[in-house]
Amino acid sequence: MNDKTAPGKTALVVGAQGVIGRNLIEHLAALPDWNVVGLSRRGAADAGRVRHISVDLLDAADTRAKLAALAGVTHVFYAAYQDRPTWAELVAPNVAMLVNVLDAIEPVATRLEHVSLMQGYKVYGAHLGPFKTPAREDDPPHLPPEFNVDQQQHLEARQRGKRWTWSALRPSVVGGFALGNPMNLAVSIAVYASMSKELAVPLRFPGKPGAYDKLLEMTDAGLLARATVWAATDPRCANQAFNINNGDLFRWNDLWPKIARWFDIDAAPPLPMPLATVMADKEPLWNAMVDKYALATTPYRDVSSWGFADFVFSWDYDLFADGSKARRFGFHEFVDTEAMFFGIFDTLRKRRVIP
């Protein structure tokens, strides 16, 4: 693919190997007028109109060198993330990666139309404790540090006087199929349930007391991909932020027994037990299950997002946002959250990730 002469639009998907990036690339590849370039540290095999570039986004020189030939890029979809132990430590690397990408692509991509930024409910302080719900895009900010806010502020300042526009997408917890991702709740639940069944113990909700009864929502990765492309290509969405969620609410006390039934095991009353602790010794069990059930050879580290699952299961307060702004601007899709979970479990089983 020659970026200078490629027809249609060219998407640069930054963070191509995460659950968000993978689903976005899959959606773009199914559309007739997009060429796609995926950026990630690991890289991947090229396929059709999709090619991949391995790059260290924290290395400004490597980023400039790897992106120097991408003159045809029209849309940047930024969904990269670097994890760190504390909220404050997240700021520097995650802002630096965004800056490095834009510093590299702006001088060469003369047809650049839009930069899409993936955020989340951390903008509203959802990770800190009980916050105002439903959260709205125009809610007042909270005290820093928060890298999502710093990224948007950089984007807004950088865009002034430019021809390109920006959008910010704010999903809830994202559900989709992707392995080796540090924030994949559905895979964690599936592996936890599969191990519980293997050990002949009932499935217990392991979160904080009180979290079992609170209102939550999710964002399907496919829905998010479609909303992201919509916001990046509809002129009405220029320089706007949007909450993107499935459109329904749930409580674990209703959904958890249904998950247990899907895995054909009993549910038992909740019992607080950090999965990062109780699953730390389970790699031999996982490897034995892979052999016993002839599963795909998936390293335990690629299916064990235990810290993130503990984080989600610790929310002993309501966590949801108002998604009506996207609908007012023209995006009307929705997804049933129960069906989303069961669809992901089906995919994991069909791909022989779980028995």
Protein backbone atom coordinates (compact mmCIF):
# COMPACT_ATOMS: atom_id res chain seq x y z
CA MET A 1 0.00 0.00 0.00
CA ASN A 2 1.42 3.38 -1.03
CA ASP A 3 0.23 5.90 1.55
CA LYS A 4 0.69 8.84 -0.81
CA THR A 5 -1.68 7.51 -3.43
CA ALA A 6 -4.02 5.26 -1.43
CA PRO A 7 -7.69 5.97 -2.23
CA GLY A 8 -10.27 6.76 0.38
CA LYS A 9 -9.31 7.26 4.01
CA THR A 10 -6.32 5.93 5.90
CA ALA A 11 -6.65 5.18 9.60
CA LEU A 12 -3.69 5.06 11.95
CA VAL A 13 -4.83 2.90 14.89
CA VAL A 14 -2.51 3.45 17.83
CA GLY A 15 -2.71 0.60 20.34
CA ALA A 16 -3.66 -1.96 17.71
CA GLN A 17 -3.27 -5.05 19.90
CA GLY A 18 -5.60 -4.04 22.74
CA VAL A 19 -9.25 -5.05 22.92
CA ILE A 20 -10.31 -1.59 21.70
CA GLY A 21 -7.73 -1.35 18.92
CA ARG A 22 -8.32 -4.86 17.60
CA ASN A 23 -12.06 -4.40 17.36
CA LEU A 24 -11.62 -0.99 15.75
CA ILE A 25 -9.32 -2.43 13.09
CA GLU A 26 -11.76 -5.26 12.43
CA HIS A 27 -14.56 -2.73 11.92
CA LEU A 28 -12.50 -0.45 9.68
CA ALA A 29 -11.30 -3.39 7.58
CA ALA A 30 -14.93 -4.34 6.88
CA LEU A 31 -15.70 -0.87 5.49
CA PRO A 32 -15.07 -0.31 1.78
CA ASP A 33 -13.18 2.98 1.83
CA TRP A 34 -10.56 2.58 4.56
CA ASN A 35 -6.90 1.58 4.56
CA VAL A 36 -5.57 0.78 8.02
CA VAL A 37 -2.17 1.00 9.70
CA GLY A 38 -1.93 -0.50 13.18
CA LEU A 39 0.73 0.57 15.67
CA SER A 40 1.77 -1.58 18.62
CA ARG A 41 4.91 -2.71 20.36
CA ARG A 42 4.38 -6.33 19.36
CA GLY A 43 3.27 -5.73 15.78
CA ALA A 44 1.20 -8.27 13.83
CA ALA A 45 0.90 -9.86 10.40
CA ASP A 46 -0.42 -7.69 7.55
CA ALA A 47 -3.73 -8.71 6.01
CA GLY A 48 -5.58 -7.15 3.08
CA ARG A 49 -5.88 -3.39 3.56
CA VAL A 50 -4.46 -3.65 7.08
CA ARG A 51 -0.76 -3.44 7.80
CA HIS A 52 1.02 -3.31 11.11
CA ILE A 53 4.07 -1.46 12.39
CA SER A 54 5.97 -2.37 15.54
CA VAL A 55 7.04 0.77 17.40
CA ASP A 56 8.04 1.94 20.87
CA LEU A 57 5.85 4.99 21.34
CA LEU A 58 7.83 6.11 24.38
CA ASP A 59 10.83 6.50 22.07
CA ALA A 60 10.26 9.75 20.15
CA ALA A 61 13.00 9.00 17.61
CA ASP A 62 11.69 5.48 16.89
CA THR A 63 8.17 6.87 16.52
CA ARG A 64 9.28 9.55 14.05
CA ALA A 65 11.27 7.02 12.03
CA LYS A 66 8.49 4.42 11.87
CA LEU A 67 5.77 6.97 10.97
CA ALA A 68 7.82 9.05 8.52
CA ALA A 69 6.34 7.35 5.43
CA LEU A 70 2.70 7.58 6.51
CA ALA A 71 1.85 10.62 4.42
CA GLY A 72 -1.58 9.26 3.51
CA VAL A 73 -2.98 9.11 7.05
CA THR A 74 -6.29 10.98 7.31
CA HIS A 75 -7.49 9.81 10.73
CA VAL A 76 -5.58 8.98 13.90
CA PHE A 77 -7.39 6.69 16.35
CA TYR A 78 -5.48 6.81 19.60
CA ALA A 79 -6.17 3.91 22.00
CA ALA A 80 -2.70 3.16 23.41
CA TYR A 81 -2.13 2.74 27.13
CA GLN A 82 0.85 2.17 29.40
CA ASP A 83 0.11 0.82 32.87
CA ARG A 84 1.87 2.10 35.97
CA PRO A 85 1.47 1.40 39.72
CA THR A 86 -0.09 4.74 40.71
CA TRP A 87 -2.44 7.30 39.17
CA ALA A 88 0.31 9.95 39.22
CA GLU A 89 2.81 7.69 37.46
CA LEU A 90 0.33 7.07 34.63
CA VAL A 91 0.46 10.68 33.46
CA ALA A 92 3.98 11.08 32.04
CA PRO A 93 4.18 7.97 29.81
CA ASN A 94 0.61 8.18 28.53
CA VAL A 95 0.86 11.84 27.64
CA ALA A 96 4.32 11.30 26.11
CA MET A 97 3.09 8.56 23.78
CA LEU A 98 0.27 10.74 22.44
CA VAL A 99 2.64 13.67 21.95
CA ASN A 100 5.19 11.48 20.19
CA VAL A 101 2.57 10.15 17.77
CA LEU A 102 1.27 13.61 16.90
CA ASP A 103 4.77 15.07 16.64
CA ALA A 104 5.60 12.32 14.15
CA ILE A 105 2.41 12.29 12.07
CA GLU A 106 1.44 15.96 11.81
CA PRO A 107 4.43 17.06 9.69
CA VAL A 108 4.00 14.23 7.15
CA ALA A 109 0.23 13.65 6.99
CA THR A 110 -0.85 16.72 5.06
CA ARG A 111 -4.37 15.28 4.57
CA LEU A 112 -4.97 14.75 8.29
CA GLU A 113 -8.66 15.30 9.08
CA HIS A 114 -9.24 14.00 12.58
CA VAL A 115 -7.63 12.74 15.79
CA SER A 116 -9.77 10.45 17.95
CA LEU A 117 -8.80 10.03 21.61
CA MET A 118 -9.94 7.06 23.69
CA GLN A 119 -10.66 7.98 27.29
CA GLY A 120 -12.94 6.57 30.00
CA TYR A 121 -14.87 7.41 33.13
CA LYS A 122 -11.65 8.30 34.97
CA VAL A 123 -12.34 11.77 33.57
CA TYR A 124 -15.21 11.91 36.05
CA GLY A 125 -13.23 10.46 38.96
CA ALA A 126 -14.97 7.09 38.71
CA HIS A 127 -11.76 5.31 39.77
CA LEU A 128 -11.45 7.34 42.97
CA GLY A 129 -14.77 6.61 44.67
CA PRO A 130 -18.47 7.49 44.57
CA PHE A 131 -19.02 10.18 41.94
CA LYS A 132 -21.99 11.99 40.45
CA THR A 133 -24.11 9.66 38.34
CA PRO A 134 -25.12 9.66 35.64
CA ALA A 135 -21.90 11.40 34.61
CA ARG A 136 -22.20 13.91 31.79
CA GLU A 137 -19.59 15.15 29.35
CA ASP A 138 -19.84 18.71 30.71
CA ASP A 139 -19.40 17.74 34.38
CA PRO A 140 -16.73 19.81 36.19
CA PRO A 141 -13.21 18.32 36.44
CA HIS A 142 -11.58 16.93 39.56
CA LEU A 143 -8.13 17.53 41.00
CA PRO A 144 -5.25 15.97 39.03
CA PRO A 145 -3.44 13.70 38.42
CA GLU A 146 -5.46 12.18 35.57
CA PHE A 147 -3.78 11.38 32.26
CA ASN A 148 -7.06 11.27 30.29
CA VAL A 149 -7.62 14.94 31.13
CA ASP A 150 -4.02 15.92 30.33
CA GLN A 151 -4.24 14.14 26.98
CA GLN A 152 -7.42 15.98 26.03
CA GLN A 153 -5.99 19.32 27.11
CA HIS A 154 -2.94 18.73 24.92
CA LEU A 155 -5.17 17.75 22.00
CA GLU A 156 -7.38 20.82 22.38
CA ALA A 157 -4.41 23.18 22.57
CA ARG A 158 -2.67 21.53 19.65
CA GLN A 159 -5.74 21.64 17.41
CA ARG A 160 -6.33 25.39 17.66
CA GLY A 161 -5.88 26.97 14.26
CA LYS A 162 -5.54 23.60 12.50
CA ARG A 163 -7.73 22.11 9.79
CA TRP A 164 -8.08 18.78 11.56
CA THR A 165 -10.56 18.18 14.38
CA TRP A 166 -10.64 15.91 17.42
CA SER A 167 -13.11 13.77 19.34
CA ALA A 168 -12.90 12.03 22.71
CA LEU A 169 -14.72 8.74 23.36
CA ARG A 170 -15.54 7.80 26.94
CA PRO A 171 -16.58 4.15 27.29
CA SER A 172 -17.33 2.27 30.48
CA VAL A 173 -15.58 -1.07 31.05
CA VAL A 174 -15.04 -2.46 27.55
CA GLY A 175 -16.13 -6.00 26.74
CA GLY A 176 -14.58 -7.82 23.80
CA PHE A 177 -12.36 -10.71 22.75
CA ALA A 178 -8.65 -10.03 23.19
CA LEU A 179 -5.96 -11.97 25.00
CA GLY A 180 -2.89 -10.55 26.69
CA ASN A 181 -4.76 -7.39 27.64
CA PRO A 182 -4.38 -5.96 31.16
CA MET A 183 -7.99 -4.75 31.24
CA ASN A 184 -10.18 -7.59 30.02
CA LEU A 185 -12.97 -8.27 32.50
CA ALA A 186 -14.92 -10.82 30.44
CA VAL A 187 -11.88 -13.07 29.92
CA SER A 188 -11.07 -12.89 33.62
CA ILE A 189 -14.60 -13.93 34.55
CA ALA A 190 -14.53 -16.78 32.02
CA VAL A 191 -11.24 -18.17 33.31
CA TYR A 192 -12.29 -17.74 36.96
CA ALA A 193 -15.56 -19.56 36.28
CA SER A 194 -13.83 -22.33 34.32
CA MET A 195 -11.37 -22.91 37.16
CA SER A 196 -14.14 -22.89 39.74
CA LYS A 197 -15.93 -25.59 37.76
CA GLU A 198 -12.72 -27.61 37.42
CA LEU A 199 -12.19 -27.44 41.19
CA ALA A 200 -15.86 -28.34 41.84
CA VAL A 201 -16.56 -25.18 43.81
CA PRO A 202 -19.47 -22.79 43.22
CA LEU A 203 -18.97 -19.46 41.54
CA ARG A 204 -18.80 -16.68 44.11
CA PHE A 205 -18.72 -12.97 43.43
CA PRO A 206 -15.27 -12.05 44.82
CA GLY A 207 -15.66 -8.29 45.13
CA LYS A 208 -16.12 -5.85 47.96
CA PRO A 209 -19.17 -6.09 50.20
CA GLY A 210 -21.72 -3.75 48.67
CA ALA A 211 -20.41 -4.00 45.10
CA TYR A 212 -22.78 -6.90 44.37
CA ASP A 213 -25.83 -4.63 44.54
CA LYS A 214 -24.71 -1.47 42.74
CA LEU A 215 -25.72 -0.25 39.28
CA LEU A 216 -23.11 -0.66 36.55
CA GLU A 217 -22.85 -0.56 32.78
CA MET A 218 -20.50 -1.89 30.11
CA THR A 219 -19.42 -0.91 26.62
CA ASP A 220 -19.27 -3.55 23.90
CA ALA A 221 -16.02 -3.32 21.91
CA GLY A 222 -17.83 -3.60 18.58
CA LEU A 223 -20.30 -0.89 19.54
CA LEU A 224 -17.39 1.30 20.65
CA ALA A 225 -15.60 0.76 17.33
CA ARG A 226 -18.66 1.85 15.37
CA ALA A 227 -19.17 4.88 17.61
CA THR A 228 -15.51 5.85 17.29
CA VAL A 229 -15.61 5.87 13.49
CA TRP A 230 -18.94 7.71 13.55
CA ALA A 231 -17.56 10.46 15.79
CA ALA A 232 -14.43 10.76 13.65
CA THR A 233 -16.33 11.16 10.39
CA ASP A 234 -19.53 13.06 11.25
CA PRO A 235 -18.83 16.83 11.07
CA ARG A 236 -21.33 17.44 13.88
CA CYS A 237 -18.99 15.64 16.29
CA ALA A 238 -15.96 17.85 15.68
CA ASN A 239 -14.14 18.82 18.89
CA GLN A 240 -16.61 17.01 21.15
CA ALA A 241 -16.46 14.35 23.86
CA PHE A 242 -19.00 11.51 24.03
CA ASN A 243 -19.92 8.90 26.62
CA ILE A 244 -20.36 5.58 24.83
CA ASN A 245 -22.13 2.74 26.64
CA ASN A 246 -24.34 -0.21 25.84
CA GLY A 247 -27.48 1.64 26.86
CA ASP A 248 -28.59 -0.65 29.68
CA LEU A 249 -27.70 -1.01 33.36
CA PHE A 250 -27.17 -4.12 35.45
CA ARG A 251 -26.37 -5.32 38.95
CA TRP A 252 -24.00 -8.20 39.63
CA ASN A 253 -26.59 -9.73 41.99
CA ASP A 254 -28.80 -10.35 38.94
CA LEU A 255 -26.12 -11.13 36.32
CA TRP A 256 -23.77 -13.29 38.40
CA PRO A 257 -26.14 -16.27 38.83
CA LYS A 258 -26.81 -16.18 35.09
CA ILE A 259 -23.07 -16.32 34.40
CA ALA A 260 -22.81 -19.32 36.72
CA ARG A 261 -25.62 -21.05 34.83
CA TRP A 262 -23.86 -20.39 31.51
CA PHE A 263 -20.84 -22.28 32.84
CA ASP A 264 -23.13 -24.97 34.28
CA ILE A 265 -22.04 -24.46 37.88
CA ASP A 266 -23.80 -23.32 41.02
CA ALA A 267 -23.60 -19.77 42.31
CA ALA A 268 -22.96 -19.20 46.00
CA PRO A 269 -23.17 -16.09 48.17
CA PRO A 270 -20.47 -13.46 47.57
CA LEU A 271 -17.16 -13.83 49.39
CA PRO A 272 -14.58 -11.02 49.29
CA MET A 273 -11.33 -12.51 47.97
CA PRO A 274 -8.91 -10.53 45.82
CA LEU A 275 -8.37 -12.53 42.64
CA ALA A 276 -4.82 -11.20 42.32
CA THR A 277 -4.13 -13.14 45.53
CA VAL A 278 -6.23 -16.29 45.21
CA MET A 279 -5.35 -16.82 41.54
CA ALA A 280 -1.62 -16.23 41.99
CA ASP A 281 -0.94 -19.97 42.43
CA LYS A 282 -3.30 -21.18 39.68
CA GLU A 283 -0.92 -21.31 36.70
CA PRO A 284 -0.29 -25.08 37.15
CA LEU A 285 -4.06 -25.63 37.23
CA TRP A 286 -4.48 -23.59 34.06
CA ASN A 287 -1.73 -25.52 32.26
CA ALA A 288 -3.30 -28.81 33.35
CA MET A 289 -6.68 -27.66 31.99
CA VAL A 290 -5.09 -26.70 28.68
CA ASP A 291 -3.71 -30.24 28.36
CA LYS A 292 -6.81 -32.01 29.69
CA TYR A 293 -9.27 -30.27 27.37
CA ALA A 294 -6.91 -29.81 24.39
CA LEU A 295 -7.26 -26.06 24.59
CA ALA A 296 -5.33 -23.53 22.56
CA THR A 297 -1.92 -23.02 24.13
CA THR A 298 -2.54 -19.68 25.83
CA PRO A 299 -0.03 -18.53 28.47
CA TYR A 300 -1.60 -17.94 31.88
CA ARG A 301 -0.40 -14.33 31.86
CA ASP A 302 -2.52 -13.69 28.75
CA VAL A 303 -5.79 -14.72 30.41
CA SER A 304 -5.24 -13.37 33.92
CA SER A 305 -6.24 -9.71 34.23
CA TRP A 306 -6.82 -10.30 37.92
CA GLY A 307 -5.80 -6.85 39.14
CA PHE A 308 -8.24 -5.18 36.76
CA ALA A 309 -11.04 -7.57 37.71
CA ASP A 310 -10.43 -6.77 41.38
CA PHE A 311 -10.59 -3.07 40.51
CA VAL A 312 -13.99 -3.45 38.82
CA PHE A 313 -15.33 -5.72 41.56
CA SER A 314 -14.33 -3.14 44.18
CA TRP A 315 -16.87 -0.56 43.00
CA ASP A 316 -19.27 -0.48 45.93
CA TYR A 317 -20.95 2.55 44.37
CA ASP A 318 -23.01 3.16 41.23
CA LEU A 319 -20.93 3.55 38.07
CA PHE A 320 -22.68 4.79 34.95
CA ALA A 321 -22.80 7.78 32.64
CA ASP A 322 -25.39 9.58 30.55
CA GLY A 323 -25.08 8.36 26.96
CA SER A 324 -27.77 10.63 25.52
CA LYS A 325 -25.38 13.17 23.97
CA ALA A 326 -24.24 10.62 21.39
CA ARG A 327 -27.86 9.87 20.58
CA ARG A 328 -28.67 13.57 20.20
CA PHE A 329 -25.75 13.86 17.77
CA GLY A 330 -26.95 10.89 15.71
CA PHE A 331 -25.52 7.62 17.11
CA HIS A 332 -28.39 5.34 18.11
CA GLU A 333 -26.89 1.86 18.48
CA PHE A 334 -27.18 -0.21 21.65
CA VAL A 335 -26.12 -3.65 22.89
CA ASP A 336 -27.69 -5.95 25.48
CA THR A 337 -25.01 -6.42 28.15
CA GLU A 338 -26.01 -9.98 29.07
CA ALA A 339 -25.85 -10.99 25.42
CA MET A 340 -22.46 -9.28 25.14
CA PHE A 341 -20.98 -11.33 27.99
CA PHE A 342 -22.41 -14.61 26.71
CA GLY A 343 -21.21 -13.80 23.19
CA ILE A 344 -17.67 -13.29 24.46
CA PHE A 345 -17.85 -16.55 26.43
CA ASP A 346 -19.08 -18.32 23.26
CA THR A 347 -16.13 -16.92 21.31
CA LEU A 348 -13.65 -18.02 23.98
CA ARG A 349 -15.10 -21.52 23.88
CA LYS A 350 -15.18 -21.73 20.09
CA ARG A 351 -11.55 -20.62 19.94
CA ARG A 352 -10.68 -23.27 22.53
CA VAL A 353 -9.42 -20.71 25.04
CA ILE A 354 -11.72 -22.16 27.73
CA PRO A 355 -13.26 -25.65 27.95
